[in-house]
Amino acid sequence: MSDKLFGNVPGLKADAYDPEGAKKLLAEAGYPDGFNVTIHGPAGRYVNDEKIVQAVAQMLTRVGIVSKVETAPMAPYSARAAKQEYSFHMVGWARRPARRRARCARCWRTVQPRQGAWAPSTGAATATSRSTT
């Protein structure tokens, strides 16, 4: 991330790529054989949006989360997202400067369909991001 963008943390190091560690975590979570997921994303809304969703799917598939990608133009995509029809999807937007943290807080969202709530892992990350901005 550019040091000129909101959210940049000078000196922050990315976690090492560790597919074997990810497979171990999946096994510990009760998914030794992985699982399947469909990742939804917009088509033509953001620069390289479809390529980004494909790249995420490839990374997940490499560790055992077999990922299928479905993209759609923004109007039908966002209509379905508003109804929480997706279990894993890419979104992004910007607000007024006072609300800049929203840019990072909801880039990837997983929803528990029956509860309409954030999944625990994304909820914790979102809470942390809000408390530090």
Foldseek 3Di string as FASTA:
>chain_A
DDPPDPPDDPPDDDDDDDLVVVCVVCVVVVRNQAEEFEEEEEDPPDVCGVVVSVVVQVSSVSNRHNYHYDYYHPPVRVVCVVLVVHQKYADADADPPVPRLRRVLPGIFGAPNVVRDGDVVSVVVSVVSVVVD
